[in-house]
Amino acid sequence: MSLNVAGDGVRALLTDPQTSGGLLVSCAPEAVDDVLAIFRADAAVIGEMVDGAGRVEVA
């Protein structure tokens, strides 16, 4: 997996469990509506899993 971010400080901030914030949940595409309903307004879809080499891009 690669993490494409600018600078070591940003990388540390994004990967430090003390600053990571909320819970990250994954589910099958067909279960998205049910999972969002469980978490109510405190949840959002932030990405999807696709085939290929692992990488993280932060915009």
C-alpha atoms as a PDB file:
ATOM      1  CA  MET A   1       0.000   0.000   0.000  1.00  0.00           C
ATOM      2  CA  SER A   2       1.233   3.510  -0.727  1.00  0.00           C
ATOM      3  CA  LEU A   3       0.117   6.742   0.917  1.00  0.00           C
ATOM      4  CA  ASN A   4       0.355   9.728  -1.437  1.00  0.00           C
ATOM      5  CA  VAL A   5       0.447  12.806   0.815  1.00  0.00           C
ATOM      6  CA  ALA A   6       2.660  15.875   0.987  1.00  0.00           C
ATOM      7  CA  GLY A   7       5.224  15.675   3.767  1.00  0.00           C
ATOM      8  CA  ASP A   8       5.926  13.494   6.758  1.00  0.00           C
ATOM      9  CA  GLY A   9       3.894  15.761   9.074  1.00  0.00           C
ATOM     10  CA  VAL A  10       0.725  15.208   7.062  1.00  0.00           C
ATOM     11  CA  ARG A  11       1.399  11.466   6.907  1.00  0.00           C
ATOM     12  CA  ALA A  12       1.858  11.324  10.690  1.00  0.00           C
ATOM     13  CA  LEU A  13      -1.343  13.291  11.283  1.00  0.00           C
ATOM     14  CA  LEU A  14      -3.372  11.045   8.959  1.00  0.00           C
ATOM     15  CA  THR A  15      -2.083   7.802  10.464  1.00  0.00           C
ATOM     16  CA  ASP A  16      -1.905   8.693  14.175  1.00  0.00           C
ATOM     17  CA  PRO A  17      -4.695   6.858  16.057  1.00  0.00           C
ATOM     18  CA  GLN A  18      -4.965   9.790  18.485  1.00  0.00           C
ATOM     19  CA  THR A  19      -6.125  12.106  15.690  1.00  0.00           C
ATOM     20  CA  SER A  20      -7.891   9.676  13.377  1.00  0.00           C
ATOM     21  CA  GLY A  21     -11.381  10.546  14.581  1.00  0.00           C
ATOM     22  CA  GLY A  22     -14.295   8.231  13.969  1.00  0.00           C
ATOM     23  CA  LEU A  23     -14.862   4.653  13.023  1.00  0.00           C
ATOM     24  CA  LEU A  24     -14.167   3.372   9.507  1.00  0.00           C
ATOM     25  CA  VAL A  25     -16.605   0.679   8.361  1.00  0.00           C
ATOM     26  CA  SER A  26     -16.605  -1.300   5.139  1.00  0.00           C
ATOM     27  CA  CYS A  27     -19.499  -3.228   3.626  1.00  0.00           C
ATOM     28  CA  ALA A  28     -20.705  -4.757   0.378  1.00  0.00           C
ATOM     29  CA  PRO A  29     -22.125  -2.235  -2.111  1.00  0.00           C
ATOM     30  CA  GLU A  30     -25.594  -3.726  -1.778  1.00  0.00           C
ATOM     31  CA  ALA A  31     -25.547  -3.124   2.004  1.00  0.00           C
ATOM     32  CA  VAL A  32     -24.638   0.597   1.923  1.00  0.00           C
ATOM     33  CA  ASP A  33     -28.163   1.914   2.586  1.00  0.00           C
ATOM     34  CA  ASP A  34     -28.691  -0.460   5.512  1.00  0.00           C
ATOM     35  CA  VAL A  35     -25.311   0.385   7.067  1.00  0.00           C
ATOM     36  CA  LEU A  36     -25.879   4.135   6.682  1.00  0.00           C
ATOM     37  CA  ALA A  37     -29.289   3.743   8.332  1.00  0.00           C
ATOM     38  CA  ILE A  38     -27.672   2.077  11.346  1.00  0.00           C
ATOM     39  CA  PHE A  39     -25.318   5.030  11.870  1.00  0.00           C
ATOM     40  CA  ARG A  40     -27.948   7.613  10.886  1.00  0.00           C
ATOM     41  CA  ALA A  41     -26.648  11.141  10.176  1.00  0.00           C
ATOM     42  CA  ASP A  42     -23.184  10.387  11.576  1.00  0.00           C
ATOM     43  CA  ALA A  43     -22.056   8.363   8.545  1.00  0.00           C
ATOM     44  CA  ALA A  44     -21.052   8.928   4.936  1.00  0.00           C
ATOM     45  CA  VAL A  45     -19.695   6.958   2.011  1.00  0.00           C
ATOM     46  CA  ILE A  46     -16.073   8.046   1.519  1.00  0.00           C
ATOM     47  CA  GLY A  47     -14.793   5.619  -1.111  1.00  0.00           C
ATOM     48  CA  GLU A  48     -14.908   2.183  -2.612  1.00  0.00           C
ATOM     49  CA  MET A  49     -12.691  -0.862  -2.901  1.00  0.00           C
ATOM     50  CA  VAL A  50     -11.453  -1.706  -6.379  1.00  0.00           C
ATOM     51  CA  ASP A  51      -9.130  -4.303  -7.878  1.00  0.00           C
ATOM     52  CA  GLY A  52      -5.503  -3.362  -8.300  1.00  0.00           C
ATOM     53  CA  ALA A  53      -2.435  -2.342  -6.337  1.00  0.00           C
ATOM     54  CA  GLY A  54      -3.207  -0.877  -2.912  1.00  0.00           C
ATOM     55  CA  ARG A  55      -2.869   2.891  -2.522  1.00  0.00           C
ATOM     56  CA  VAL A  56      -4.410   5.801  -0.637  1.00  0.00           C
ATOM     57  CA  GLU A  57      -4.875   9.218  -2.249  1.00  0.00           C
ATOM     58  CA  VAL A  58      -5.709  12.264  -0.143  1.00  0.00           C
ATOM     59  CA  ALA A  59      -7.095  15.287  -1.959  1.00  0.00           C
END
